[in-house]
Amino acid sequence: MEEIEELKRSNKVIGAREVWKALLSGKVRKIYLSKNCPEMLRKKFEDVAQSFKVKLVNFDGSNYELGVICGRKHGISVLGILKNGED
């Protein structure tokens, strides 16, 4: 339940490209990957998140479910929670 509240209320970036840019610039504190995130994309984020010491969460739901929680009408495979004060 805490996870869902964080997804709804936190400042976030959505989509692999945007999360990747935010991760490389040090703006992300946590990354969520949907259960059906493509394996190649998953591996890319797992490797780099570890080196940047960013927590990676394997969301126990599909990309569609992750999208719905975030108020979107489309699937989200990769979502980044921004550090406090980041946009």
Protein backbone atom coordinates (compact mmCIF):
# COMPACT_ATOMS: atom_id res chain seq x y z
CA MET A 1 0.00 0.00 0.00
CA GLU A 2 2.87 2.38 0.81
CA GLU A 3 4.31 1.68 -2.64
CA ILE A 4 1.07 2.70 -4.35
CA GLU A 5 0.88 5.95 -2.38
CA GLU A 6 4.46 6.76 -3.37
CA LEU A 7 3.63 6.13 -7.03
CA LYS A 8 0.59 8.40 -6.86
CA ARG A 9 2.05 11.30 -4.90
CA SER A 10 5.76 11.57 -5.66
CA ASN A 11 7.35 13.67 -8.36
CA LYS A 12 8.21 11.22 -11.11
CA VAL A 13 9.46 10.73 -14.63
CA ILE A 14 7.77 8.24 -16.90
CA GLY A 15 9.17 6.18 -19.73
CA ALA A 16 12.52 4.54 -20.34
CA ARG A 17 14.09 7.49 -22.18
CA GLU A 18 13.11 10.10 -19.59
CA VAL A 19 14.03 7.90 -16.63
CA TRP A 20 17.38 7.12 -18.25
CA LYS A 21 18.18 10.84 -18.66
CA ALA A 22 17.14 11.60 -15.08
CA LEU A 23 19.14 8.64 -13.76
CA LEU A 24 22.32 9.70 -15.54
CA SER A 25 21.94 13.27 -14.26
CA GLY A 26 21.52 12.07 -10.65
CA LYS A 27 17.89 13.14 -10.21
CA VAL A 28 16.34 9.73 -9.50
CA ARG A 29 16.20 8.04 -6.09
CA LYS A 30 14.14 4.98 -7.04
CA ILE A 31 13.14 3.16 -10.24
CA TYR A 32 10.09 0.96 -10.73
CA LEU A 33 10.05 -1.68 -13.48
CA SER A 34 6.78 -3.36 -14.42
CA LYS A 35 6.51 -7.13 -14.31
CA ASN A 36 6.39 -7.30 -18.12
CA CYS A 37 9.16 -4.77 -18.78
CA PRO A 38 11.26 -6.05 -21.72
CA GLU A 39 14.25 -8.06 -20.45
CA MET A 40 16.84 -6.04 -22.35
CA LEU A 41 15.49 -2.80 -20.85
CA ARG A 42 15.32 -4.39 -17.39
CA LYS A 43 18.96 -5.49 -17.57
CA LYS A 44 20.09 -2.03 -18.72
CA PHE A 45 18.39 -0.32 -15.77
CA GLU A 46 19.46 -2.95 -13.23
CA ASP A 47 23.12 -2.58 -14.15
CA VAL A 48 23.23 1.21 -14.17
CA ALA A 49 20.95 1.73 -11.15
CA GLN A 50 23.28 -0.42 -9.09
CA SER A 51 26.34 1.63 -10.09
CA PHE A 52 24.46 4.88 -9.28
CA LYS A 53 23.23 3.38 -5.98
CA VAL A 54 19.59 3.91 -6.95
CA LYS A 55 17.01 1.53 -5.49
CA LEU A 56 15.33 -0.59 -8.14
CA VAL A 57 11.86 -2.02 -7.46
CA ASN A 58 10.34 -4.83 -9.50
CA PHE A 59 6.68 -3.76 -9.48
CA ASP A 60 4.41 -6.76 -9.04
CA GLY A 61 2.03 -5.77 -11.81
CA SER A 62 1.89 -5.21 -15.55
CA ASN A 63 2.85 -2.01 -17.33
CA TYR A 64 -0.87 -1.29 -17.75
CA GLU A 65 -1.46 -1.62 -13.98
CA LEU A 66 1.47 0.70 -13.27
CA GLY A 67 0.01 3.22 -15.72
CA VAL A 68 -3.43 3.11 -14.10
CA ILE A 69 -1.96 3.71 -10.63
CA CYS A 70 -0.21 6.79 -12.01
CA GLY A 71 -3.43 8.06 -13.60
CA ARG A 72 -2.44 7.24 -17.17
CA LYS A 73 -4.48 5.47 -19.84
CA HIS A 74 -1.42 3.69 -21.20
CA GLY A 75 1.17 1.26 -19.93
CA ILE A 76 4.33 2.34 -18.12
CA SER A 77 7.24 -0.12 -18.09
CA VAL A 78 9.77 2.19 -16.40
CA LEU A 79 9.08 4.91 -13.85
CA GLY A 80 11.53 6.97 -11.84
CA ILE A 81 10.82 8.62 -8.49
CA LEU A 82 12.69 11.91 -8.32
CA LYS A 83 14.77 13.06 -5.38
CA ASN A 84 13.02 15.68 -3.23
CA GLY A 85 12.90 19.05 -4.92
CA GLU A 86 13.68 17.74 -8.43
CA ASP A 87 11.41 18.32 -11.44
